[in-house]
Amino acid sequence: MHELPQQLANGLALGALYGLIAIGYTMVYGIVQLINFAHGEIFMIGGFGALTAYAILPTGTTLLIAIPVMIVGGALCSVAVACAAERFAYRPLRSAPRLAPLITAIGLSIALQQLVWQFYPDAKKAVSFPEFKGAAFKITDSLAIQRADLFVLILAPLCMLALGVFVQKSRSGRAMQATAQDPDTAKLMGINTDRIIVMAFAIGAAFAAVAAVAYGVDKGQINFEMGFILGLKAFTAAVLGGIGNIYGAMVGGVVLGLAEALSIAYIEEIPGMQQLGGGAWSNVWAFVLLIVVLLVRPQGLLGQRVTDRA
């Protein structure tokens, strides 16, 4: 049990990363009822955009100075791709049966992955990413926080709270709420719903780029396939917390991250469960948790139950 604080810290950092990506899923679904399965690749493109921004900086630029530039560069790339996807792939299918945009999202995901693999220099293998140097911050004898973990633990709540204030207090945020509630009535009230939908895609993509930078400085490398599993887990986090709920996305991410960290550390210590522990099984236990939560609370942890009107 002396390892528990460290495992909890690891789980919180991992969950904060999932939550940042999950916000993009929940923003888009909350407004247009679309599961954007290409969001994982938007996250991946944000990482490569950030790496490109870092490459143009003068040699020897410290990471603390480079990170804001990398976040801006990654966000510009991911937002541009997300907005183009909304305009040319999703908007023409807005009135189509729901299966059509879902299949389109899956196809777009594969296409984006292959485009990066084919055209980005050396993307056919893992590409080195600048990472934090220096020792971890030692809190107690049993708890040390890595610099990259501290970065995401600070950044993720700030981003979430800023978005919450924006949605609740700003004019555009209230327009988002109106569009999510009833897009036809929102149009009658003078709201440009197309602009609001593009804004939702852009905000989600920007958060994904922030998550990509946090992932890169932690792992020290990125690759063209990283968006698939992380995007799938972030979608799981969004559903777990209650898809359509901004705070639920972060809560779901944290719960998922804690479940993974604790399962890696402790499942194999249970008598008779040695073969079901370790990192190889972390994904399995994450989805087992999702199934259990949805059986008990189908709307997610913070989601609201919606009843059909007669």
C-alpha atoms as a PDB file:
ATOM      1  CA  MET A   1       0.000   0.000   0.000  1.00  0.00           C
ATOM      2  CA  HIS A   2       2.971   2.339   0.282  1.00  0.00           C
ATOM      3  CA  GLU A   3       2.814   2.608  -3.536  1.00  0.00           C
ATOM      4  CA  LEU A   4      -0.802   3.803  -3.534  1.00  0.00           C
ATOM      5  CA  PRO A   5      -0.075   7.581  -3.533  1.00  0.00           C
ATOM      6  CA  GLN A   6       2.240   7.167  -6.507  1.00  0.00           C
ATOM      7  CA  GLN A   7      -0.301   5.079  -8.416  1.00  0.00           C
ATOM      8  CA  LEU A   8      -3.028   7.630  -7.695  1.00  0.00           C
ATOM      9  CA  ALA A   9      -0.807  10.429  -9.007  1.00  0.00           C
ATOM     10  CA  ASN A  10      -0.032   8.414 -12.142  1.00  0.00           C
ATOM     11  CA  GLY A  11      -3.727   7.727 -12.652  1.00  0.00           C
ATOM     12  CA  LEU A  12      -4.691  11.384 -12.200  1.00  0.00           C
ATOM     13  CA  ALA A  13      -2.140  12.515 -14.787  1.00  0.00           C
ATOM     14  CA  LEU A  14      -3.240   9.866 -17.274  1.00  0.00           C
ATOM     15  CA  GLY A  15      -6.894  10.689 -16.627  1.00  0.00           C
ATOM     16  CA  ALA A  16      -6.314  14.415 -17.138  1.00  0.00           C
ATOM     17  CA  LEU A  17      -4.828  13.608 -20.552  1.00  0.00           C
ATOM     18  CA  TYR A  18      -7.856  11.475 -21.460  1.00  0.00           C
ATOM     19  CA  GLY A  19     -10.161  14.224 -20.235  1.00  0.00           C
ATOM     20  CA  LEU A  20      -8.562  16.869 -22.456  1.00  0.00           C
ATOM     21  CA  ILE A  21      -9.138  14.715 -25.530  1.00  0.00           C
ATOM     22  CA  ALA A  22     -12.617  13.637 -24.374  1.00  0.00           C
ATOM     23  CA  ILE A  23     -13.806  17.256 -24.239  1.00  0.00           C
ATOM     24  CA  GLY A  24     -13.603  17.340 -28.041  1.00  0.00           C
ATOM     25  CA  TYR A  25     -15.929  14.348 -28.321  1.00  0.00           C
ATOM     26  CA  THR A  26     -18.402  15.778 -25.858  1.00  0.00           C
ATOM     27  CA  MET A  27     -18.421  19.280 -27.411  1.00  0.00           C
ATOM     28  CA  VAL A  28     -19.303  17.976 -30.869  1.00  0.00           C
ATOM     29  CA  TYR A  29     -21.792  15.382 -29.656  1.00  0.00           C
ATOM     30  CA  GLY A  30     -23.518  17.869 -27.373  1.00  0.00           C
ATOM     31  CA  ILE A  31     -24.312  20.173 -30.297  1.00  0.00           C
ATOM     32  CA  VAL A  32     -24.745  17.993 -33.398  1.00  0.00           C
ATOM     33  CA  GLN A  33     -25.201  14.512 -31.873  1.00  0.00           C
ATOM     34  CA  LEU A  34     -22.199  13.254 -33.851  1.00  0.00           C
ATOM     35  CA  ILE A  35     -19.550  10.835 -32.612  1.00  0.00           C
ATOM     36  CA  ASN A  36     -16.469  12.201 -34.361  1.00  0.00           C
ATOM     37  CA  PHE A  37     -14.303   9.089 -34.519  1.00  0.00           C
ATOM     38  CA  ALA A  38     -11.676  11.096 -36.411  1.00  0.00           C
ATOM     39  CA  HIS A  39     -10.987  13.091 -33.242  1.00  0.00           C
ATOM     40  CA  GLY A  40      -8.148  10.765 -32.270  1.00  0.00           C
ATOM     41  CA  GLU A  41      -6.404  11.646 -35.528  1.00  0.00           C
ATOM     42  CA  ILE A  42      -7.058  15.357 -34.867  1.00  0.00           C
ATOM     43  CA  PHE A  43      -5.131  14.787 -31.633  1.00  0.00           C
ATOM     44  CA  MET A  44      -2.341  13.067 -33.572  1.00  0.00           C
ATOM     45  CA  ILE A  45      -2.119  15.890 -36.120  1.00  0.00           C
ATOM     46  CA  GLY A  46      -1.880  18.368 -33.262  1.00  0.00           C
ATOM     47  CA  GLY A  47       1.198  16.501 -32.062  1.00  0.00           C
ATOM     48  CA  PHE A  48       2.873  16.630 -35.460  1.00  0.00           C
ATOM     49  CA  GLY A  49       1.922  20.301 -35.848  1.00  0.00           C
ATOM     50  CA  ALA A  50       3.527  21.050 -32.488  1.00  0.00           C
ATOM     51  CA  LEU A  51       6.661  19.172 -33.516  1.00  0.00           C
ATOM     52  CA  THR A  52       6.827  21.204 -36.734  1.00  0.00           C
ATOM     53  CA  ALA A  53       6.528  24.434 -34.753  1.00  0.00           C
ATOM     54  CA  TYR A  54       9.353  23.299 -32.485  1.00  0.00           C
ATOM     55  CA  ALA A  55      11.550  22.467 -35.492  1.00  0.00           C
ATOM     56  CA  ILE A  56      11.433  26.057 -36.776  1.00  0.00           C
ATOM     57  CA  LEU A  57      12.510  27.538 -33.437  1.00  0.00           C
ATOM     58  CA  PRO A  58      16.179  28.493 -32.987  1.00  0.00           C
ATOM     59  CA  THR A  59      18.404  25.671 -31.787  1.00  0.00           C
ATOM     60  CA  GLY A  60      18.761  25.656 -28.031  1.00  0.00           C
ATOM     61  CA  THR A  61      15.362  27.182 -27.245  1.00  0.00           C
ATOM     62  CA  THR A  62      14.352  26.061 -23.768  1.00  0.00           C
ATOM     63  CA  LEU A  63      11.278  23.894 -23.465  1.00  0.00           C
ATOM     64  CA  LEU A  64       9.453  26.384 -21.253  1.00  0.00           C
ATOM     65  CA  ILE A  65       9.666  28.946 -24.050  1.00  0.00           C
ATOM     66  CA  ALA A  66       8.986  26.399 -26.782  1.00  0.00           C
ATOM     67  CA  ILE A  67       5.851  24.857 -25.254  1.00  0.00           C
ATOM     68  CA  PRO A  68       3.542  27.876 -25.869  1.00  0.00           C
ATOM     69  CA  VAL A  69       4.766  28.019 -29.470  1.00  0.00           C
ATOM     70  CA  MET A  70       4.224  24.276 -29.842  1.00  0.00           C
ATOM     71  CA  ILE A  71       0.702  24.510 -28.431  1.00  0.00           C
ATOM     72  CA  VAL A  72      -0.159  27.318 -30.858  1.00  0.00           C
ATOM     73  CA  GLY A  73       1.360  25.450 -33.811  1.00  0.00           C
ATOM     74  CA  GLY A  74      -0.375  22.204 -32.900  1.00  0.00           C
ATOM     75  CA  ALA A  75      -3.689  23.968 -32.328  1.00  0.00           C
ATOM     76  CA  LEU A  76      -3.518  25.739 -35.694  1.00  0.00           C
ATOM     77  CA  CYS A  77      -2.993  22.429 -37.493  1.00  0.00           C
ATOM     78  CA  SER A  78      -5.618  20.467 -35.586  1.00  0.00           C
ATOM     79  CA  VAL A  79      -8.214  23.267 -35.769  1.00  0.00           C
ATOM     80  CA  ALA A  80      -7.658  23.676 -39.516  1.00  0.00           C
ATOM     81  CA  VAL A  81      -8.166  19.947 -40.125  1.00  0.00           C
ATOM     82  CA  ALA A  82     -11.185  19.752 -37.807  1.00  0.00           C
ATOM     83  CA  CYS A  83     -12.891  22.747 -39.438  1.00  0.00           C
ATOM     84  CA  ALA A  84     -12.211  21.358 -42.915  1.00  0.00           C
ATOM     85  CA  ALA A  85     -13.648  18.002 -41.846  1.00  0.00           C
ATOM     86  CA  GLU A  86     -16.796  19.677 -40.532  1.00  0.00           C
ATOM     87  CA  ARG A  87     -17.255  21.760 -43.673  1.00  0.00           C
ATOM     88  CA  PHE A  88     -16.570  19.137 -46.335  1.00  0.00           C
ATOM     89  CA  ALA A  89     -17.236  15.771 -44.666  1.00  0.00           C
ATOM     90  CA  TYR A  90     -19.885  16.266 -41.972  1.00  0.00           C
ATOM     91  CA  ARG A  91     -21.975  19.292 -42.969  1.00  0.00           C
ATOM     92  CA  PRO A  92     -23.262  17.771 -46.244  1.00  0.00           C
ATOM     93  CA  LEU A  93     -24.438  14.746 -44.215  1.00  0.00           C
ATOM     94  CA  ARG A  94     -26.110  16.683 -41.410  1.00  0.00           C
ATOM     95  CA  SER A  95     -29.600  15.683 -42.534  1.00  0.00           C
ATOM     96  CA  ALA A  96     -28.581  12.155 -43.579  1.00  0.00           C
ATOM     97  CA  PRO A  97     -29.302   9.051 -41.473  1.00  0.00           C
ATOM     98  CA  ARG A  98     -26.991   8.897 -38.450  1.00  0.00           C
ATOM     99  CA  LEU A  99     -25.071   5.912 -39.804  1.00  0.00           C
ATOM    100  CA  ALA A 100     -23.725   7.973 -42.747  1.00  0.00           C
ATOM    101  CA  PRO A 101     -21.688  10.537 -40.747  1.00  0.00           C
ATOM    102  CA  LEU A 102     -20.523   7.763 -38.421  1.00  0.00           C
ATOM    103  CA  ILE A 103     -19.066   5.754 -41.314  1.00  0.00           C
ATOM    104  CA  THR A 104     -17.638   8.978 -42.760  1.00  0.00           C
ATOM    105  CA  ALA A 105     -15.881   9.705 -39.462  1.00  0.00           C
ATOM    106  CA  ILE A 106     -14.277   6.263 -39.448  1.00  0.00           C
ATOM    107  CA  GLY A 107     -13.139   6.670 -43.055  1.00  0.00           C
ATOM    108  CA  LEU A 108     -11.774  10.143 -42.321  1.00  0.00           C
ATOM    109  CA  SER A 109      -9.856   8.749 -39.366  1.00  0.00           C
ATOM    110  CA  ILE A 110      -8.114   6.182 -41.557  1.00  0.00           C
ATOM    111  CA  ALA A 111      -7.453   8.744 -44.301  1.00  0.00           C
ATOM    112  CA  LEU A 112      -5.829  11.253 -41.931  1.00  0.00           C
ATOM    113  CA  GLN A 113      -3.672   8.567 -40.388  1.00  0.00           C
ATOM    114  CA  GLN A 114      -2.439   7.412 -43.768  1.00  0.00           C
ATOM    115  CA  LEU A 115      -1.806  10.954 -45.014  1.00  0.00           C
ATOM    116  CA  VAL A 116       0.500  11.668 -42.093  1.00  0.00           C
ATOM    117  CA  TRP A 117       2.194   8.280 -42.515  1.00  0.00           C
ATOM    118  CA  GLN A 118       2.787   8.952 -46.202  1.00  0.00           C
ATOM    119  CA  PHE A 119       3.772  12.623 -46.320  1.00  0.00           C
ATOM    120  CA  TYR A 120       5.219  13.700 -42.969  1.00  0.00           C
ATOM    121  CA  PRO A 121       9.023  13.196 -42.947  1.00  0.00           C
ATOM    122  CA  ASP A 122      10.068  10.005 -41.148  1.00  0.00           C
ATOM    123  CA  ALA A 123       6.512   9.424 -39.874  1.00  0.00           C
ATOM    124  CA  LYS A 124       6.678   5.740 -40.798  1.00  0.00           C
ATOM    125  CA  LYS A 125       8.374   5.229 -37.430  1.00  0.00           C
ATOM    126  CA  ALA A 126       8.168   6.909 -34.035  1.00  0.00           C
ATOM    127  CA  VAL A 127       9.417  10.507 -34.200  1.00  0.00           C
ATOM    128  CA  SER A 128      11.379  12.070 -31.338  1.00  0.00           C
ATOM    129  CA  PHE A 129       9.551  14.780 -29.407  1.00  0.00           C
ATOM    130  CA  PRO A 130      11.145  17.257 -26.970  1.00  0.00           C
ATOM    131  CA  GLU A 131      10.613  16.175 -23.382  1.00  0.00           C
ATOM    132  CA  PHE A 132      11.104  17.603 -19.938  1.00  0.00           C
ATOM    133  CA  LYS A 133      14.536  17.080 -18.475  1.00  0.00           C
ATOM    134  CA  GLY A 134      15.381  16.941 -14.801  1.00  0.00           C
ATOM    135  CA  ALA A 135      14.423  14.919 -11.776  1.00  0.00           C
ATOM    136  CA  ALA A 136      10.866  14.433 -10.600  1.00  0.00           C
ATOM    137  CA  PHE A 137       9.452  16.576  -7.801  1.00  0.00           C
ATOM    138  CA  LYS A 138       9.626  14.462  -4.667  1.00  0.00           C
ATOM    139  CA  ILE A 139       6.627  15.146  -2.434  1.00  0.00           C
ATOM    140  CA  THR A 140       7.057  12.338   0.076  1.00  0.00           C
ATOM    141  CA  ASP A 141       9.119   9.154   0.306  1.00  0.00           C
ATOM    142  CA  SER A 142       6.372   7.308  -1.595  1.00  0.00           C
ATOM    143  CA  LEU A 143       5.284  10.059  -3.999  1.00  0.00           C
ATOM    144  CA  ALA A 144       7.232  11.749  -6.798  1.00  0.00           C
ATOM    145  CA  ILE A 145       5.576  13.680  -9.609  1.00  0.00           C
ATOM    146  CA  GLN A 146       7.225  13.825 -13.007  1.00  0.00           C
ATOM    147  CA  ARG A 147       7.481  17.232 -14.645  1.00  0.00           C
ATOM    148  CA  ALA A 148       5.321  16.159 -17.582  1.00  0.00           C
ATOM    149  CA  ASP A 149       2.649  14.850 -15.200  1.00  0.00           C
ATOM    150  CA  LEU A 150       2.655  18.124 -13.281  1.00  0.00           C
ATOM    151  CA  PHE A 151       2.291  19.976 -16.585  1.00  0.00           C
ATOM    152  CA  VAL A 152      -0.870  18.112 -17.578  1.00  0.00           C
ATOM    153  CA  LEU A 153      -2.270  18.162 -14.028  1.00  0.00           C
ATOM    154  CA  ILE A 154      -2.102  21.954 -14.031  1.00  0.00           C
ATOM    155  CA  LEU A 155      -3.118  22.534 -17.628  1.00  0.00           C
ATOM    156  CA  ALA A 156      -6.119  20.188 -17.866  1.00  0.00           C
ATOM    157  CA  PRO A 157      -8.207  21.725 -15.013  1.00  0.00           C
ATOM    158  CA  LEU A 158      -7.382  25.236 -16.215  1.00  0.00           C
ATOM    159  CA  CYS A 159      -8.552  24.423 -19.747  1.00  0.00           C
ATOM    160  CA  MET A 160     -11.712  22.766 -18.461  1.00  0.00           C
ATOM    161  CA  LEU A 161     -12.606  25.646 -16.148  1.00  0.00           C
ATOM    162  CA  ALA A 162     -11.895  28.234 -18.866  1.00  0.00           C
ATOM    163  CA  LEU A 163     -14.173  26.375 -21.257  1.00  0.00           C
ATOM    164  CA  GLY A 164     -16.887  26.075 -18.596  1.00  0.00           C
ATOM    165  CA  VAL A 165     -16.804  29.826 -17.964  1.00  0.00           C
ATOM    166  CA  PHE A 166     -16.833  30.508 -21.707  1.00  0.00           C
ATOM    167  CA  VAL A 167     -19.890  28.320 -22.284  1.00  0.00           C
ATOM    168  CA  GLN A 168     -21.798  29.715 -19.305  1.00  0.00           C
ATOM    169  CA  LYS A 169     -20.910  33.414 -19.492  1.00  0.00           C
ATOM    170  CA  SER A 170     -20.075  34.402 -23.063  1.00  0.00           C
ATOM    171  CA  ARG A 171     -22.538  35.199 -25.814  1.00  0.00           C
ATOM    172  CA  SER A 172     -21.072  32.505 -28.055  1.00  0.00           C
ATOM    173  CA  GLY A 173     -21.285  30.014 -25.208  1.00  0.00           C
ATOM    174  CA  ARG A 174     -24.967  30.741 -24.687  1.00  0.00           C
ATOM    175  CA  ALA A 175     -25.467  30.376 -28.431  1.00  0.00           C
ATOM    176  CA  MET A 176     -23.820  26.944 -28.137  1.00  0.00           C
ATOM    177  CA  GLN A 177     -26.279  25.971 -25.421  1.00  0.00           C
ATOM    178  CA  ALA A 178     -29.210  27.170 -27.519  1.00  0.00           C
ATOM    179  CA  THR A 179     -27.993  25.283 -30.590  1.00  0.00           C
ATOM    180  CA  ALA A 180     -27.516  22.132 -28.562  1.00  0.00           C
ATOM    181  CA  GLN A 181     -31.015  22.400 -27.110  1.00  0.00           C
ATOM    182  CA  ASP A 182     -32.910  23.192 -30.323  1.00  0.00           C
ATOM    183  CA  PRO A 183     -30.994  24.165 -33.479  1.00  0.00           C
ATOM    184  CA  ASP A 184     -34.116  25.101 -35.463  1.00  0.00           C
ATOM    185  CA  THR A 185     -35.342  27.508 -32.798  1.00  0.00           C
ATOM    186  CA  ALA A 186     -31.807  28.855 -32.425  1.00  0.00           C
ATOM    187  CA  LYS A 187     -31.824  29.745 -36.125  1.00  0.00           C
ATOM    188  CA  LEU A 188     -35.134  31.582 -35.705  1.00  0.00           C
ATOM    189  CA  MET A 189     -33.543  33.580 -32.887  1.00  0.00           C
ATOM    190  CA  GLY A 190     -30.811  34.783 -35.256  1.00  0.00           C
ATOM    191  CA  ILE A 191     -28.044  32.383 -34.248  1.00  0.00           C
ATOM    192  CA  ASN A 192     -25.724  31.248 -37.010  1.00  0.00           C
ATOM    193  CA  THR A 193     -25.763  27.568 -36.121  1.00  0.00           C
ATOM    194  CA  ASP A 194     -23.164  26.682 -38.767  1.00  0.00           C
ATOM    195  CA  ARG A 195     -20.697  29.055 -37.119  1.00  0.00           C
ATOM    196  CA  ILE A 196     -21.488  27.636 -33.683  1.00  0.00           C
ATOM    197  CA  ILE A 197     -20.915  24.065 -34.876  1.00  0.00           C
ATOM    198  CA  VAL A 198     -17.581  25.025 -36.434  1.00  0.00           C
ATOM    199  CA  MET A 199     -16.650  26.689 -33.136  1.00  0.00           C
ATOM    200  CA  ALA A 200     -17.387  23.463 -31.258  1.00  0.00           C
ATOM    201  CA  PHE A 201     -15.149  21.496 -33.621  1.00  0.00           C
ATOM    202  CA  ALA A 202     -12.403  24.123 -33.293  1.00  0.00           C
ATOM    203  CA  ILE A 203     -12.475  24.184 -29.485  1.00  0.00           C
ATOM    204  CA  GLY A 204     -12.363  20.404 -29.281  1.00  0.00           C
ATOM    205  CA  ALA A 205      -9.459  20.295 -31.745  1.00  0.00           C
ATOM    206  CA  ALA A 206      -7.521  22.940 -29.791  1.00  0.00           C
ATOM    207  CA  PHE A 207      -7.909  20.922 -26.587  1.00  0.00           C
ATOM    208  CA  ALA A 208      -6.717  17.824 -28.446  1.00  0.00           C
ATOM    209  CA  ALA A 209      -3.601  19.722 -29.545  1.00  0.00           C
ATOM    210  CA  VAL A 210      -2.874  20.701 -25.940  1.00  0.00           C
ATOM    211  CA  ALA A 211      -3.236  17.035 -24.978  1.00  0.00           C
ATOM    212  CA  ALA A 212      -0.888  16.029 -27.816  1.00  0.00           C
ATOM    213  CA  VAL A 213       1.828  18.365 -26.529  1.00  0.00           C
ATOM    214  CA  ALA A 214       1.358  16.996 -22.998  1.00  0.00           C
ATOM    215  CA  TYR A 215       1.596  13.442 -24.346  1.00  0.00           C
ATOM    216  CA  GLY A 216       4.700  14.212 -26.407  1.00  0.00           C
ATOM    217  CA  VAL A 217       6.694  15.879 -23.619  1.00  0.00           C
ATOM    218  CA  ASP A 218       5.849  12.925 -21.387  1.00  0.00           C
ATOM    219  CA  LYS A 219       6.670  10.058 -23.759  1.00  0.00           C
ATOM    220  CA  GLY A 220       9.457  11.763 -25.692  1.00  0.00           C
ATOM    221  CA  GLN A 221       8.074  10.573 -29.037  1.00  0.00           C
ATOM    222  CA  ILE A 222       4.939  10.570 -31.167  1.00  0.00           C
ATOM    223  CA  ASN A 223       3.755   8.369 -34.033  1.00  0.00           C
ATOM    224  CA  PHE A 224       1.025   8.364 -36.650  1.00  0.00           C
ATOM    225  CA  GLU A 225      -0.900   5.580 -34.876  1.00  0.00           C
ATOM    226  CA  MET A 226      -1.092   7.191 -31.442  1.00  0.00           C
ATOM    227  CA  GLY A 227      -4.499   8.752 -32.064  1.00  0.00           C
ATOM    228  CA  PHE A 228      -6.341   5.462 -32.454  1.00  0.00           C
ATOM    229  CA  ILE A 229      -6.112   3.947 -28.983  1.00  0.00           C
ATOM    230  CA  LEU A 230      -5.959   7.283 -27.160  1.00  0.00           C
ATOM    231  CA  GLY A 231      -8.962   8.535 -29.118  1.00  0.00           C
ATOM    232  CA  LEU A 232     -10.859   5.361 -28.307  1.00  0.00           C
ATOM    233  CA  LYS A 233     -10.072   5.716 -24.607  1.00  0.00           C
ATOM    234  CA  ALA A 234     -11.025   9.390 -24.648  1.00  0.00           C
ATOM    235  CA  PHE A 235     -14.344   8.468 -26.239  1.00  0.00           C
ATOM    236  CA  THR A 236     -14.767   5.896 -23.475  1.00  0.00           C
ATOM    237  CA  ALA A 237     -14.041   8.618 -20.910  1.00  0.00           C
ATOM    238  CA  ALA A 238     -16.639  10.910 -22.504  1.00  0.00           C
ATOM    239  CA  VAL A 239     -19.289   8.175 -22.372  1.00  0.00           C
ATOM    240  CA  LEU A 240     -18.253   7.220 -18.851  1.00  0.00           C
ATOM    241  CA  GLY A 241     -18.645  10.757 -17.569  1.00  0.00           C
ATOM    242  CA  GLY A 242     -21.798  11.491 -19.539  1.00  0.00           C
ATOM    243  CA  ILE A 243     -21.258  12.470 -23.168  1.00  0.00           C
ATOM    244  CA  GLY A 244     -22.355  16.034 -23.799  1.00  0.00           C
ATOM    245  CA  ASN A 245     -21.195  17.184 -20.349  1.00  0.00           C
ATOM    246  CA  ILE A 246     -17.900  19.130 -20.286  1.00  0.00           C
ATOM    247  CA  TYR A 247     -17.121  18.385 -16.660  1.00  0.00           C
ATOM    248  CA  GLY A 248     -18.298  14.806 -17.127  1.00  0.00           C
ATOM    249  CA  ALA A 249     -15.639  14.320 -19.826  1.00  0.00           C
ATOM    250  CA  MET A 250     -12.893  15.259 -17.377  1.00  0.00           C
ATOM    251  CA  VAL A 251     -14.417  13.208 -14.556  1.00  0.00           C
ATOM    252  CA  GLY A 252     -14.708  10.211 -16.870  1.00  0.00           C
ATOM    253  CA  GLY A 253     -11.096  10.658 -17.952  1.00  0.00           C
ATOM    254  CA  VAL A 254      -9.868  10.776 -14.361  1.00  0.00           C
ATOM    255  CA  VAL A 255     -11.886   7.693 -13.385  1.00  0.00           C
ATOM    256  CA  LEU A 256     -10.559   5.830 -16.410  1.00  0.00           C
ATOM    257  CA  GLY A 257      -6.971   6.883 -15.717  1.00  0.00           C
ATOM    258  CA  LEU A 258      -7.194   5.817 -12.084  1.00  0.00           C
ATOM    259  CA  ALA A 259      -8.707   2.485 -13.103  1.00  0.00           C
ATOM    260  CA  GLU A 260      -5.843   1.831 -15.498  1.00  0.00           C
ATOM    261  CA  ALA A 261      -3.111   2.813 -13.070  1.00  0.00           C
ATOM    262  CA  LEU A 262      -4.541   0.788 -10.198  1.00  0.00           C
ATOM    263  CA  SER A 263      -5.230  -2.253 -12.359  1.00  0.00           C
ATOM    264  CA  ILE A 264      -1.645  -2.273 -13.623  1.00  0.00           C
ATOM    265  CA  ALA A 265      -0.315  -2.067 -10.074  1.00  0.00           C
ATOM    266  CA  TYR A 266      -2.651  -4.297  -8.101  1.00  0.00           C
ATOM    267  CA  ILE A 267      -4.671  -6.770 -10.174  1.00  0.00           C
ATOM    268  CA  GLU A 268      -1.737  -9.159 -10.507  1.00  0.00           C
ATOM    269  CA  GLU A 269      -1.264  -9.069  -6.720  1.00  0.00           C
ATOM    270  CA  ILE A 270      -4.671 -10.683  -6.174  1.00  0.00           C
ATOM    271  CA  PRO A 271      -4.401 -14.462  -5.683  1.00  0.00           C
ATOM    272  CA  GLY A 272      -5.516 -16.263  -8.837  1.00  0.00           C
ATOM    273  CA  MET A 273      -5.416 -13.059 -10.944  1.00  0.00           C
ATOM    274  CA  GLN A 274      -1.713 -13.019 -11.802  1.00  0.00           C
ATOM    275  CA  GLN A 275      -2.417 -13.647 -15.487  1.00  0.00           C
ATOM    276  CA  LEU A 276      -4.907 -10.742 -15.658  1.00  0.00           C
ATOM    277  CA  GLY A 277      -2.658  -7.969 -14.379  1.00  0.00           C
ATOM    278  CA  GLY A 278       0.048  -5.719 -15.714  1.00  0.00           C
ATOM    279  CA  GLY A 279       0.032  -3.192 -18.522  1.00  0.00           C
ATOM    280  CA  ALA A 280      -1.119  -5.657 -21.166  1.00  0.00           C
ATOM    281  CA  TRP A 281      -4.515  -5.908 -19.437  1.00  0.00           C
ATOM    282  CA  SER A 282      -4.993  -2.230 -18.592  1.00  0.00           C
ATOM    283  CA  ASN A 283      -7.149  -1.588 -21.672  1.00  0.00           C
ATOM    284  CA  VAL A 284      -9.348  -4.568 -20.850  1.00  0.00           C
ATOM    285  CA  TRP A 285     -10.080  -3.384 -17.317  1.00  0.00           C
ATOM    286  CA  ALA A 286     -10.781   0.138 -18.556  1.00  0.00           C
ATOM    287  CA  PHE A 287     -13.563  -1.136 -20.801  1.00  0.00           C
ATOM    288  CA  VAL A 288     -14.828  -3.504 -18.115  1.00  0.00           C
ATOM    289  CA  LEU A 289     -15.255  -0.435 -15.918  1.00  0.00           C
ATOM    290  CA  LEU A 290     -17.180   1.302 -18.707  1.00  0.00           C
ATOM    291  CA  ILE A 291     -19.545  -1.656 -19.060  1.00  0.00           C
ATOM    292  CA  VAL A 292     -20.178  -1.809 -15.309  1.00  0.00           C
ATOM    293  CA  VAL A 293     -20.899   1.920 -15.043  1.00  0.00           C
ATOM    294  CA  LEU A 294     -23.238   1.909 -18.048  1.00  0.00           C
ATOM    295  CA  LEU A 295     -25.131  -1.085 -16.659  1.00  0.00           C
ATOM    296  CA  VAL A 296     -25.732   0.806 -13.425  1.00  0.00           C
ATOM    297  CA  ARG A 297     -26.032   4.331 -14.859  1.00  0.00           C
ATOM    298  CA  PRO A 298     -26.529   4.307 -18.646  1.00  0.00           C
ATOM    299  CA  GLN A 299     -26.362   8.106 -18.952  1.00  0.00           C
ATOM    300  CA  GLY A 300     -22.865   8.201 -17.448  1.00  0.00           C
ATOM    301  CA  LEU A 301     -21.610   9.561 -14.139  1.00  0.00           C
ATOM    302  CA  LEU A 302     -22.650  13.187 -14.695  1.00  0.00           C
ATOM    303  CA  GLY A 303     -25.054  12.736 -17.616  1.00  0.00           C
ATOM    304  CA  GLN A 304     -28.737  13.450 -17.351  1.00  0.00           C
ATOM    305  CA  ARG A 305     -31.378  10.884 -18.183  1.00  0.00           C
ATOM    306  CA  VAL A 306     -33.381  12.013 -21.209  1.00  0.00           C
ATOM    307  CA  THR A 307     -36.931  10.755 -21.692  1.00  0.00           C
ATOM    308  CA  ASP A 308     -38.691  10.735 -25.028  1.00  0.00           C
ATOM    309  CA  ARG A 309     -41.687  12.980 -25.272  1.00  0.00           C
ATOM    310  CA  ALA A 310     -45.001  11.472 -26.242  1.00  0.00           C
END
